[in-house]
C-alpha atoms as a PDB file:
ATOM      1  CA  ASN A   1      12.419 -48.378 -18.437  1.00  0.00           C
ATOM      2  CA  THR A   2      14.224 -48.642 -21.772  1.00  0.00           C
ATOM      3  CA  THR A   3      14.106 -44.914 -22.483  1.00  0.00           C
ATOM      4  CA  ARG A   4      15.705 -44.047 -19.156  1.00  0.00           C
ATOM      5  CA  ASN A   5      18.422 -46.682 -19.577  1.00  0.00           C
ATOM      6  CA  LYS A   6      19.558 -45.001 -22.802  1.00  0.00           C
ATOM      7  CA  ILE A   7      20.003 -41.617 -21.112  1.00  0.00           C
ATOM      8  CA  MET A   8      23.581 -40.945 -20.044  1.00  0.00           C
ATOM      9  CA  MET A   9      24.347 -39.537 -16.607  1.00  0.00           C
ATOM     10  CA  VAL A  10      26.950 -36.830 -16.073  1.00  0.00           C
ATOM     11  CA  PRO A  11      30.269 -38.553 -15.198  1.00  0.00           C
ATOM     12  CA  MET A  12      31.042 -39.043 -11.508  1.00  0.00           C
ATOM     13  CA  ASN A  13      32.686 -36.085  -9.724  1.00  0.00           C
ATOM     14  CA  GLN A  14      32.078 -33.676 -12.623  1.00  0.00           C
ATOM     15  CA  TRP A  15      30.705 -30.403 -11.239  1.00  0.00           C
ATOM     16  CA  ILE A  16      27.781 -28.609 -12.848  1.00  0.00           C
ATOM     17  CA  LYS A  17      26.637 -25.052 -12.091  1.00  0.00           C
ATOM     18  CA  ILE A  18      23.039 -23.973 -11.510  1.00  0.00           C
ATOM     19  CA  LYS A  19      21.510 -20.499 -11.317  1.00  0.00           C
ATOM     20  CA  ALA A  20      18.207 -20.755  -9.460  1.00  0.00           C
ATOM     21  CA  PRO A  21      16.238 -17.515  -9.914  1.00  0.00           C
ATOM     22  CA  ALA A  22      14.275 -15.496  -7.417  1.00  0.00           C
ATOM     23  CA  THR A  23      10.523 -15.538  -7.894  1.00  0.00           C
ATOM     24  CA  VAL A  24       7.557 -13.350  -7.080  1.00  0.00           C
ATOM     25  CA  ALA A  25       4.542 -15.371  -5.999  1.00  0.00           C
ATOM     26  CA  ASN A  26       1.146 -14.568  -4.515  1.00  0.00           C
ATOM     27  CA  MET A  27       0.717 -12.181  -7.458  1.00  0.00           C
ATOM     28  CA  VAL A  28      -1.566  -9.745  -5.616  1.00  0.00           C
ATOM     29  CA  CYS A  29      -4.871 -11.666  -5.896  1.00  0.00           C
ATOM     30  CA  GLY A  30      -3.185 -14.933  -6.905  1.00  0.00           C
ATOM     31  CA  PHE A  31      -2.249 -16.185  -3.443  1.00  0.00           C
ATOM     32  CA  ASP A  32      -0.537 -19.593  -3.610  1.00  0.00           C
ATOM     33  CA  ILE A  33      -1.399 -20.069  -7.297  1.00  0.00           C
ATOM     34  CA  LEU A  34       0.298 -17.402  -9.437  1.00  0.00           C
ATOM     35  CA  GLY A  35       4.005 -16.609  -9.634  1.00  0.00           C
ATOM     36  CA  PHE A  36       6.770 -15.526 -11.986  1.00  0.00           C
ATOM     37  CA  ALA A  37      10.555 -15.777 -12.186  1.00  0.00           C
ATOM     38  CA  VAL A  38      12.899 -12.789 -12.377  1.00  0.00           C
ATOM     39  CA  ASN A  39      16.307 -12.515 -14.003  1.00  0.00           C
ATOM     40  CA  ASP A  40      18.122 -11.396 -10.876  1.00  0.00           C
ATOM     41  CA  PRO A  41      18.948 -12.212  -8.096  1.00  0.00           C
ATOM     42  CA  TYR A  42      19.565 -15.951  -8.112  1.00  0.00           C
ATOM     43  CA  ASP A  43      21.126 -18.623  -5.927  1.00  0.00           C
ATOM     44  CA  ALA A  44      24.434 -19.886  -7.334  1.00  0.00           C
ATOM     45  CA  MET A  45      24.804 -23.630  -6.844  1.00  0.00           C
ATOM     46  CA  GLU A  46      27.258 -26.356  -7.841  1.00  0.00           C
ATOM     47  CA  MET A  47      26.550 -30.080  -7.765  1.00  0.00           C
ATOM     48  CA  ARG A  48      28.200 -33.362  -8.581  1.00  0.00           C
ATOM     49  CA  LEU A  49      27.571 -37.080  -8.291  1.00  0.00           C
ATOM     50  CA  VAL A  50      29.775 -38.835  -5.751  1.00  0.00           C
ATOM     51  CA  GLU A  51      30.417 -42.502  -5.052  1.00  0.00           C
ATOM     52  CA  THR A  52      29.176 -42.477  -1.450  1.00  0.00           C
ATOM     53  CA  PRO A  53      25.355 -42.580  -1.286  1.00  0.00           C
ATOM     54  CA  GLY A  54      23.732 -39.669   0.503  1.00  0.00           C
ATOM     55  CA  ILE A  55      23.765 -35.864   0.439  1.00  0.00           C
ATOM     56  CA  THR A  56      26.574 -33.529   1.431  1.00  0.00           C
ATOM     57  CA  ILE A  57      25.646 -29.826   1.637  1.00  0.00           C
ATOM     58  CA  ILE A  58      28.335 -27.147   1.723  1.00  0.00           C
ATOM     59  CA  ASN A  59      27.370 -23.552   2.539  1.00  0.00           C
ATOM     60  CA  MET A  60      29.289 -20.965   0.514  1.00  0.00           C
ATOM     61  CA  ASP A  61      27.732 -17.977   2.295  1.00  0.00           C
ATOM     62  CA  ASP A  62      27.451 -16.573   5.831  1.00  0.00           C
ATOM     63  CA  TYR A  63      23.823 -17.441   6.607  1.00  0.00           C
ATOM     64  CA  ASN A  64      24.766 -20.607   8.541  1.00  0.00           C
ATOM     65  CA  LEU A  65      21.805 -22.584   7.239  1.00  0.00           C
ATOM     66  CA  PRO A  66      21.501 -26.223   8.370  1.00  0.00           C
ATOM     67  CA  THR A  67      23.579 -28.743   6.451  1.00  0.00           C
ATOM     68  CA  ASP A  68      21.568 -31.702   7.730  1.00  0.00           C
ATOM     69  CA  PRO A  69      19.663 -32.730   4.566  1.00  0.00           C
ATOM     70  CA  GLU A  70      16.407 -33.233   6.468  1.00  0.00           C
ATOM     71  CA  LYS A  71      16.569 -29.683   7.856  1.00  0.00           C
ATOM     72  CA  ASN A  72      17.867 -27.976   4.698  1.00  0.00           C
ATOM     73  CA  VAL A  73      15.386 -27.081   1.955  1.00  0.00           C
ATOM     74  CA  ALA A  74      17.674 -28.278  -0.838  1.00  0.00           C
ATOM     75  CA  GLY A  75      18.406 -31.467   1.090  1.00  0.00           C
ATOM     76  CA  ALA A  76      14.723 -32.212   1.710  1.00  0.00           C
ATOM     77  CA  ALA A  77      13.970 -31.773  -1.988  1.00  0.00           C
ATOM     78  CA  LEU A  78      16.831 -34.088  -2.941  1.00  0.00           C
ATOM     79  CA  LEU A  79      15.723 -36.708  -0.423  1.00  0.00           C
ATOM     80  CA  ALA A  80      12.310 -36.821  -2.102  1.00  0.00           C
ATOM     81  CA  LEU A  81      13.934 -37.257  -5.515  1.00  0.00           C
ATOM     82  CA  MET A  82      16.282 -39.955  -4.227  1.00  0.00           C
ATOM     83  CA  GLU A  83      13.419 -41.877  -2.627  1.00  0.00           C
ATOM     84  CA  GLU A  84      11.638 -42.073  -5.966  1.00  0.00           C
ATOM     85  CA  TYR A  85      14.871 -42.807  -7.845  1.00  0.00           C
ATOM     86  CA  GLY A  86      15.143 -45.959  -5.761  1.00  0.00           C
ATOM     87  CA  LYS A  87      18.830 -46.710  -6.370  1.00  0.00           C
ATOM     88  CA  PRO A  88      21.875 -45.743  -4.264  1.00  0.00           C
ATOM     89  CA  VAL A  89      23.121 -42.332  -5.351  1.00  0.00           C
ATOM     90  CA  GLY A  90      25.211 -39.589  -3.779  1.00  0.00           C
ATOM     91  CA  PHE A  91      25.196 -35.826  -4.319  1.00  0.00           C
ATOM     92  CA  GLU A  92      27.534 -33.090  -3.156  1.00  0.00           C
ATOM     93  CA  VAL A  93      25.958 -29.640  -3.239  1.00  0.00           C
ATOM     94  CA  LYS A  94      27.559 -26.218  -2.820  1.00  0.00           C
ATOM     95  CA  ILE A  95      25.073 -23.418  -2.185  1.00  0.00           C
ATOM     96  CA  ASN A  96      25.831 -19.710  -2.348  1.00  0.00           C
ATOM     97  CA  LYS A  97      22.630 -17.968  -1.324  1.00  0.00           C
ATOM     98  CA  LEU A  98      22.566 -14.739  -3.276  1.00  0.00           C
ATOM     99  CA  ILE A  99      18.846 -14.506  -2.479  1.00  0.00           C
ATOM    100  CA  LYS A 100      18.668 -13.454   1.155  1.00  0.00           C
ATOM    101  CA  PRO A 101      16.624 -15.858   3.313  1.00  0.00           C
ATOM    102  CA  GLY A 102      13.358 -14.294   4.434  1.00  0.00           C
ATOM    103  CA  SER A 103      13.481 -11.663   1.701  1.00  0.00           C
ATOM    104  CA  GLY A 104      10.115 -12.624   0.228  1.00  0.00           C
ATOM    105  CA  VAL A 105      11.347 -13.493  -3.263  1.00  0.00           C
ATOM    106  CA  GLY A 106      11.477 -17.262  -3.071  1.00  0.00           C
ATOM    107  CA  SER A 107      14.794 -17.885  -1.356  1.00  0.00           C
ATOM    108  CA  SER A 108      13.824 -21.348  -0.118  1.00  0.00           C
ATOM    109  CA  ALA A 109      12.186 -22.192  -3.436  1.00  0.00           C
ATOM    110  CA  ALA A 110      15.332 -21.293  -5.363  1.00  0.00           C
ATOM    111  CA  SER A 111      17.547 -23.656  -3.377  1.00  0.00           C
ATOM    112  CA  SER A 112      14.921 -26.429  -3.437  1.00  0.00           C
ATOM    113  CA  ALA A 113      14.313 -26.106  -7.165  1.00  0.00           C
ATOM    114  CA  GLY A 114      17.975 -25.646  -8.051  1.00  0.00           C
ATOM    115  CA  ALA A 115      18.910 -28.825  -6.199  1.00  0.00           C
ATOM    116  CA  VAL A 116      16.429 -31.088  -7.985  1.00  0.00           C
ATOM    117  CA  VAL A 117      17.022 -29.504 -11.399  1.00  0.00           C
ATOM    118  CA  GLY A 118      20.755 -30.091 -10.927  1.00  0.00           C
ATOM    119  CA  ALA A 119      20.237 -33.643  -9.705  1.00  0.00           C
ATOM    120  CA  ASN A 120      17.977 -34.399 -12.655  1.00  0.00           C
ATOM    121  CA  HIS A 121      20.652 -33.161 -15.062  1.00  0.00           C
ATOM    122  CA  LEU A 122      23.293 -35.282 -13.354  1.00  0.00           C
ATOM    123  CA  LEU A 123      21.047 -38.340 -13.658  1.00  0.00           C
ATOM    124  CA  GLY A 124      20.351 -37.807 -17.346  1.00  0.00           C
ATOM    125  CA  ASN A 125      17.146 -35.714 -17.209  1.00  0.00           C
ATOM    126  CA  ILE A 126      14.885 -38.632 -16.337  1.00  0.00           C
ATOM    127  CA  TYR A 127      12.206 -36.559 -14.589  1.00  0.00           C
ATOM    128  CA  THR A 128       9.661 -34.083 -15.955  1.00  0.00           C
ATOM    129  CA  LYS A 129       9.327 -30.514 -14.737  1.00  0.00           C
ATOM    130  CA  ASP A 130       6.153 -31.508 -12.912  1.00  0.00           C
ATOM    131  CA  ASP A 131       8.136 -34.229 -11.139  1.00  0.00           C
ATOM    132  CA  LEU A 132      10.783 -31.694 -10.138  1.00  0.00           C
ATOM    133  CA  VAL A 133       8.163 -29.320  -8.736  1.00  0.00           C
ATOM    134  CA  ARG A 134       6.716 -32.194  -6.729  1.00  0.00           C
ATOM    135  CA  PHE A 135      10.145 -33.032  -5.260  1.00  0.00           C
ATOM    136  CA  ALA A 136      11.046 -29.398  -4.557  1.00  0.00           C
ATOM    137  CA  MET A 137       7.801 -28.791  -2.664  1.00  0.00           C
ATOM    138  CA  ASN A 138       9.306 -30.891   0.133  1.00  0.00           C
ATOM    139  CA  GLY A 139      11.860 -28.120   0.603  1.00  0.00           C
ATOM    140  CA  GLU A 140       9.060 -25.582   0.927  1.00  0.00           C
ATOM    141  CA  LYS A 141       7.483 -27.753   3.612  1.00  0.00           C
ATOM    142  CA  VAL A 142      10.724 -27.525   5.616  1.00  0.00           C
ATOM    143  CA  ALA A 143      10.714 -23.737   5.235  1.00  0.00           C
ATOM    144  CA  SER A 144       7.045 -23.006   5.888  1.00  0.00           C
ATOM    145  CA  GLY A 145       5.389 -26.176   7.111  1.00  0.00           C
ATOM    146  CA  VAL A 146       3.250 -26.317   3.961  1.00  0.00           C
ATOM    147  CA  LYS A 147       3.857 -27.824   0.521  1.00  0.00           C
ATOM    148  CA  HIS A 148       3.143 -24.976  -1.886  1.00  0.00           C
ATOM    149  CA  ALA A 149       4.348 -24.458  -5.453  1.00  0.00           C
ATOM    150  CA  ASP A 150       3.717 -20.798  -6.299  1.00  0.00           C
ATOM    151  CA  ASN A 151       7.454 -20.005  -6.094  1.00  0.00           C
ATOM    152  CA  ILE A 152       8.743 -23.452  -7.059  1.00  0.00           C
ATOM    153  CA  ALA A 153       6.786 -23.641 -10.326  1.00  0.00           C
ATOM    154  CA  PRO A 154       8.077 -20.425 -11.971  1.00  0.00           C
ATOM    155  CA  CYS A 155      11.591 -21.151 -10.707  1.00  0.00           C
ATOM    156  CA  ILE A 156      11.571 -24.459 -12.627  1.00  0.00           C
ATOM    157  CA  PHE A 157       9.297 -23.605 -15.567  1.00  0.00           C
ATOM    158  CA  GLY A 158      10.359 -19.963 -15.998  1.00  0.00           C
ATOM    159  CA  GLY A 159       8.026 -17.096 -16.867  1.00  0.00           C
ATOM    160  CA  VAL A 160       4.566 -16.883 -15.317  1.00  0.00           C
ATOM    161  CA  THR A 161       2.926 -20.022 -13.948  1.00  0.00           C
ATOM    162  CA  LEU A 162      -0.472 -20.973 -12.600  1.00  0.00           C
ATOM    163  CA  VAL A 163      -0.752 -23.724  -9.992  1.00  0.00           C
ATOM    164  CA  ARG A 164      -4.185 -25.100 -10.906  1.00  0.00           C
ATOM    165  CA  SER A 165      -3.933 -27.904  -8.373  1.00  0.00           C
ATOM    166  CA  ILE A 166      -1.516 -29.269  -5.771  1.00  0.00           C
ATOM    167  CA  PHE A 167      -3.083 -32.702  -5.243  1.00  0.00           C
ATOM    168  CA  PRO A 168      -2.867 -33.853  -7.981  1.00  0.00           C
ATOM    169  CA  LEU A 169      -0.178 -31.438  -9.117  1.00  0.00           C
ATOM    170  CA  GLU A 170      -1.009 -29.441 -12.239  1.00  0.00           C
ATOM    171  CA  ILE A 171       1.119 -26.500 -13.403  1.00  0.00           C
ATOM    172  CA  VAL A 172       0.076 -24.267 -16.307  1.00  0.00           C
ATOM    173  CA  SER A 173       2.664 -22.059 -18.022  1.00  0.00           C
ATOM    174  CA  LEU A 174       1.097 -18.755 -19.071  1.00  0.00           C
ATOM    175  CA  PRO A 175       2.373 -17.039 -22.235  1.00  0.00           C
ATOM    176  CA  SER A 176       3.012 -13.567 -20.892  1.00  0.00           C
ATOM    177  CA  PRO A 177       3.812 -10.199 -22.470  1.00  0.00           C
ATOM    178  CA  PRO A 178       7.042  -8.353 -21.576  1.00  0.00           C
ATOM    179  CA  LEU A 179       6.807  -7.283 -17.939  1.00  0.00           C
ATOM    180  CA  HIS A 180       9.169  -5.042 -15.994  1.00  0.00           C
ATOM    181  CA  VAL A 181       9.118  -5.499 -12.249  1.00  0.00           C
ATOM    182  CA  THR A 182      10.519  -3.322  -9.481  1.00  0.00           C
ATOM    183  CA  ILE A 183      11.032  -5.188  -6.213  1.00  0.00           C
ATOM    184  CA  VAL A 184      11.127  -2.934  -3.151  1.00  0.00           C
ATOM    185  CA  HIS A 185      12.577  -4.631  -0.101  1.00  0.00           C
ATOM    186  CA  PRO A 186      12.259  -3.141   3.406  1.00  0.00           C
ATOM    187  CA  GLN A 187      15.388  -4.967   4.661  1.00  0.00           C
ATOM    188  CA  ILE A 188      13.510  -6.964   7.255  1.00  0.00           C
ATOM    189  CA  GLU A 189      13.258 -10.735   7.477  1.00  0.00           C
ATOM    190  CA  VAL A 190       9.850 -12.387   7.600  1.00  0.00           C
ATOM    191  CA  ARG A 191       9.690 -16.182   7.787  1.00  0.00           C
ATOM    192  CA  THR A 192       7.038 -17.685   5.520  1.00  0.00           C
ATOM    193  CA  ALA A 193       5.847 -19.905   8.359  1.00  0.00           C
ATOM    194  CA  ASP A 194       5.253 -16.837  10.550  1.00  0.00           C
ATOM    195  CA  ALA A 195       3.500 -14.913   7.774  1.00  0.00           C
ATOM    196  CA  ARG A 196       1.063 -17.778   7.195  1.00  0.00           C
ATOM    197  CA  LYS A 197       0.012 -17.758  10.841  1.00  0.00           C
ATOM    198  CA  ILE A 198      -1.745 -14.393  10.453  1.00  0.00           C
ATOM    199  CA  LEU A 199      -3.882 -15.370   7.461  1.00  0.00           C
ATOM    200  CA  LYS A 200      -7.656 -15.161   7.752  1.00  0.00           C
ATOM    201  CA  GLN A 201      -9.409 -18.432   8.507  1.00  0.00           C
ATOM    202  CA  ASN A 202     -12.802 -17.298   7.161  1.00  0.00           C
ATOM    203  CA  VAL A 203     -13.654 -15.395   3.966  1.00  0.00           C
ATOM    204  CA  GLN A 204     -16.932 -13.665   3.129  1.00  0.00           C
ATOM    205  CA  LEU A 205     -18.617 -14.821  -0.078  1.00  0.00           C
ATOM    206  CA  LYS A 206     -18.736 -11.295  -1.561  1.00  0.00           C
ATOM    207  CA  ASP A 207     -14.972 -10.985  -1.093  1.00  0.00           C
ATOM    208  CA  ALA A 208     -14.349 -14.423  -2.595  1.00  0.00           C
ATOM    209  CA  ILE A 209     -16.416 -13.533  -5.673  1.00  0.00           C
ATOM    210  CA  LYS A 210     -14.480 -10.315  -6.209  1.00  0.00           C
ATOM    211  CA  GLN A 211     -11.183 -12.152  -5.727  1.00  0.00           C
ATOM    212  CA  TRP A 212     -12.129 -14.835  -8.272  1.00  0.00           C
ATOM    213  CA  GLY A 213     -12.956 -12.129 -10.798  1.00  0.00           C
ATOM    214  CA  ASN A 214      -9.597 -10.462 -10.247  1.00  0.00           C
ATOM    215  CA  ILE A 215      -7.700 -13.733 -10.587  1.00  0.00           C
ATOM    216  CA  ALA A 216      -9.514 -14.599 -13.812  1.00  0.00           C
ATOM    217  CA  GLY A 217      -8.955 -11.077 -15.111  1.00  0.00           C
ATOM    218  CA  LEU A 218      -5.252 -11.215 -14.271  1.00  0.00           C
ATOM    219  CA  VAL A 219      -4.779 -14.551 -16.057  1.00  0.00           C
ATOM    220  CA  ALA A 220      -6.752 -13.319 -19.073  1.00  0.00           C
ATOM    221  CA  GLY A 221      -4.783 -10.073 -19.151  1.00  0.00           C
ATOM    222  CA  ILE A 222      -1.481 -11.941 -19.071  1.00  0.00           C
ATOM    223  CA  MET A 223      -2.515 -14.300 -21.873  1.00  0.00           C
ATOM    224  CA  LYS A 224      -4.008 -11.506 -24.033  1.00  0.00           C
ATOM    225  CA  ALA A 225      -1.139  -9.066 -23.362  1.00  0.00           C
ATOM    226  CA  ASP A 226      -3.773  -6.620 -22.122  1.00  0.00           C
ATOM    227  CA  TYR A 227      -1.847  -4.368 -19.761  1.00  0.00           C
ATOM    228  CA  ASP A 228      -4.928  -2.366 -18.771  1.00  0.00           C
ATOM    229  CA  LEU A 229      -6.764  -5.551 -17.760  1.00  0.00           C
ATOM    230  CA  ILE A 230      -3.699  -6.694 -15.825  1.00  0.00           C
ATOM    231  CA  GLY A 231      -3.640  -3.369 -13.992  1.00  0.00           C
ATOM    232  CA  ARG A 232      -7.354  -3.435 -13.138  1.00  0.00           C
ATOM    233  CA  SER A 233      -7.025  -6.994 -11.824  1.00  0.00           C
ATOM    234  CA  LEU A 234      -4.139  -6.273  -9.467  1.00  0.00           C
ATOM    235  CA  GLU A 235      -6.341  -6.034  -6.389  1.00  0.00           C
ATOM    236  CA  ASP A 236      -6.433  -8.357  -3.403  1.00  0.00           C
ATOM    237  CA  VAL A 237      -9.512  -8.258  -1.169  1.00  0.00           C
ATOM    238  CA  ILE A 238      -8.771 -11.327   0.958  1.00  0.00           C
ATOM    239  CA  ILE A 239      -5.119 -11.624   2.008  1.00  0.00           C
ATOM    240  CA  GLU A 240      -4.234  -7.929   2.306  1.00  0.00           C
ATOM    241  CA  PRO A 241      -7.490  -5.946   2.037  1.00  0.00           C
END
């Protein structure tokens, strides 16, 4: 459209740098719907537009992740963006994963989100944040087999986010009070796809009711800056009872 045609792309072969933050999702009772971004660690990425259509991924770390775009989370996210873009375009992406894969703080989400945020900047910021979340969820599907946005959304929006709906996608940014978070990591790797296999398939109504109350209380506590309410609501009775 006319508005998009007036937006200038970043010149060909000019590198940009992206810091894609780690995120904490499944906020206790908020499984798959609540998450927040942290200041550190982050994936360090560099991207540029190139003349040859397609995606070239260069690993700058020792994790030996796939460089085939269809098997790489950043590549899958970019492929979704490129399909909607509809015109020949080429990206070169350097990824230095400072968020260890399998660490539980949104490693796959960071690379997926960072890739589409960078691509959007290179193309002149033609897509909304909701669009970018939608594209990046394809990276999460590669990582876990499921399109989920609880890590993607805060990585792109920042702060605390609520995923009200996936289909159709609706992300709500929550105005939150200052929060200090300590992340304790046991130095073991757990793949998201494996973790999802052990989830309960049936939930008792009494547990669901208590969980809904905790989720509502947590959201209200965040929005009201009520730390006591936040604390009382940090209870999960379904995923990890």
